[in-house]
Amino acid sequence: MSDQKPQQAQLSIELDEQVAEGTYSNLAIINHSPTEFILDFVNIMPGMPKAKVKSRIVLTPQHAKRLLKALAENVHRYESAHGIITETEQPHVPLNFGPAGQA
């Protein structure tokens, strides 16, 4: 019998310059159906009556749950290194985007 562990295939991930710049968002609108979660990221500017969705991510329910766990773990690590993140009261943002949740 061999004591060697099976080799795991490595995944190469490419990040182009435009995506690497990122997109700022200060509002996430989350919707779901039985088969997917939809995360819309919005940048709301003070005094502006209209805002656009800057990015949309569509996830399976399983990937949404993995994302939730990964975010929780990373927030915990951040707070361990930098202190507790305090939550400020969110201003009421009236949304006319259809049925939605907020984050």
Protein backbone atom coordinates (compact mmCIF):
# COMPACT_ATOMS: atom_id res chain seq x y z
CA MET A 1 0.00 0.00 0.00
CA SER A 2 1.14 3.48 -0.78
CA ASP A 3 1.31 6.16 1.91
CA GLN A 4 1.07 8.91 -0.69
CA LYS A 5 -1.91 11.24 -0.55
CA PRO A 6 -3.70 11.95 -3.82
CA GLN A 7 -2.55 15.21 -5.36
CA GLN A 8 -5.10 18.01 -5.47
CA ALA A 9 -5.48 19.85 -8.75
CA GLN A 10 -4.55 23.52 -8.52
CA LEU A 11 -6.91 26.15 -9.81
CA SER A 12 -5.47 29.19 -11.52
CA ILE A 13 -7.61 32.30 -11.05
CA GLU A 14 -7.14 35.31 -13.31
CA LEU A 15 -7.97 38.85 -12.18
CA ASP A 16 -7.98 41.47 -14.92
CA GLU A 17 -7.15 45.12 -14.19
CA GLN A 18 -10.69 46.48 -14.45
CA VAL A 19 -12.11 43.90 -12.03
CA ALA A 20 -9.13 44.34 -9.69
CA GLU A 21 -10.05 48.03 -9.23
CA GLY A 22 -13.26 46.89 -7.53
CA THR A 23 -16.61 48.62 -7.24
CA TYR A 24 -17.60 50.58 -4.13
CA SER A 25 -20.97 49.70 -2.61
CA ASN A 26 -22.73 51.02 0.49
CA LEU A 27 -25.96 49.04 0.04
CA ALA A 28 -26.63 45.41 -0.79
CA ILE A 29 -30.08 44.28 -1.88
CA ILE A 30 -30.61 40.55 -1.49
CA ASN A 31 -33.39 38.54 -3.11
CA HIS A 32 -33.82 34.80 -3.46
CA SER A 33 -35.86 32.16 -5.20
CA PRO A 34 -35.92 28.43 -4.51
CA THR A 35 -32.88 27.99 -6.77
CA GLU A 36 -30.73 31.11 -6.42
CA PHE A 37 -29.71 34.11 -4.34
CA ILE A 38 -29.30 37.44 -6.10
CA LEU A 39 -27.02 40.06 -4.53
CA ASP A 40 -27.28 43.55 -6.03
CA PHE A 41 -24.60 46.00 -4.92
CA VAL A 42 -25.53 49.69 -5.05
CA ASN A 43 -23.67 52.94 -4.38
CA ILE A 44 -26.06 55.50 -2.91
CA MET A 45 -24.78 59.08 -2.84
CA PRO A 46 -26.19 61.57 -0.29
CA GLY A 47 -28.70 63.98 -1.80
CA MET A 48 -29.11 61.96 -4.97
CA PRO A 49 -32.66 60.72 -5.59
CA LYS A 50 -31.56 57.84 -7.82
CA ALA A 51 -28.94 55.11 -7.55
CA LYS A 52 -27.87 52.34 -9.92
CA VAL A 53 -27.01 48.74 -9.28
CA LYS A 54 -23.24 48.63 -9.85
CA SER A 55 -22.81 44.87 -9.68
CA ARG A 56 -25.03 41.78 -9.48
CA ILE A 57 -23.91 38.39 -8.24
CA VAL A 58 -26.12 35.31 -8.65
CA LEU A 59 -25.39 32.36 -6.35
CA THR A 60 -26.80 28.92 -5.71
CA PRO A 61 -28.23 28.51 -2.19
CA GLN A 62 -25.23 26.32 -1.30
CA HIS A 63 -22.75 28.99 -2.43
CA ALA A 64 -24.74 31.68 -0.59
CA LYS A 65 -24.38 29.68 2.64
CA ARG A 66 -20.64 29.22 2.03
CA LEU A 67 -20.33 32.97 1.44
CA LEU A 68 -22.18 33.65 4.72
CA LYS A 69 -19.77 31.39 6.62
CA ALA A 70 -16.71 32.87 4.89
CA LEU A 71 -17.83 36.44 5.65
CA ALA A 72 -18.50 35.56 9.31
CA GLU A 73 -15.06 33.96 9.62
CA ASN A 74 -13.32 36.94 8.01
CA VAL A 75 -15.20 39.48 10.16
CA HIS A 76 -14.12 37.49 13.23
CA ARG A 77 -10.47 37.53 12.07
CA TYR A 78 -10.66 41.26 11.30
CA GLU A 79 -12.12 42.05 14.73
CA SER A 80 -9.50 39.89 16.44
CA ALA A 81 -6.77 41.90 14.74
CA HIS A 82 -8.31 45.40 14.67
CA GLY A 83 -11.07 45.53 17.29
CA ILE A 84 -14.83 45.26 17.18
CA ILE A 85 -16.60 46.77 14.19
CA THR A 86 -19.26 49.07 15.55
CA GLU A 87 -22.56 49.24 13.73
CA THR A 88 -24.05 52.67 13.21
CA GLU A 89 -27.75 53.18 12.76
CA GLN A 90 -28.60 52.81 9.10
CA PRO A 91 -30.50 55.73 7.57
CA HIS A 92 -33.85 54.73 6.13
CA VAL A 93 -33.48 54.25 2.40
CA PRO A 94 -36.81 53.97 0.59
CA LEU A 95 -36.40 51.37 -2.12
CA ASN A 96 -38.65 51.10 -5.15
CA PHE A 97 -36.85 48.04 -6.42
CA GLY A 98 -39.56 45.46 -5.75
CA PRO A 99 -39.61 42.97 -2.85
CA ALA A 100 -36.16 42.88 -1.35
CA GLY A 101 -34.06 42.38 1.71
CA GLN A 102 -31.25 44.67 2.73
CA ALA A 103 -27.79 44.13 4.09
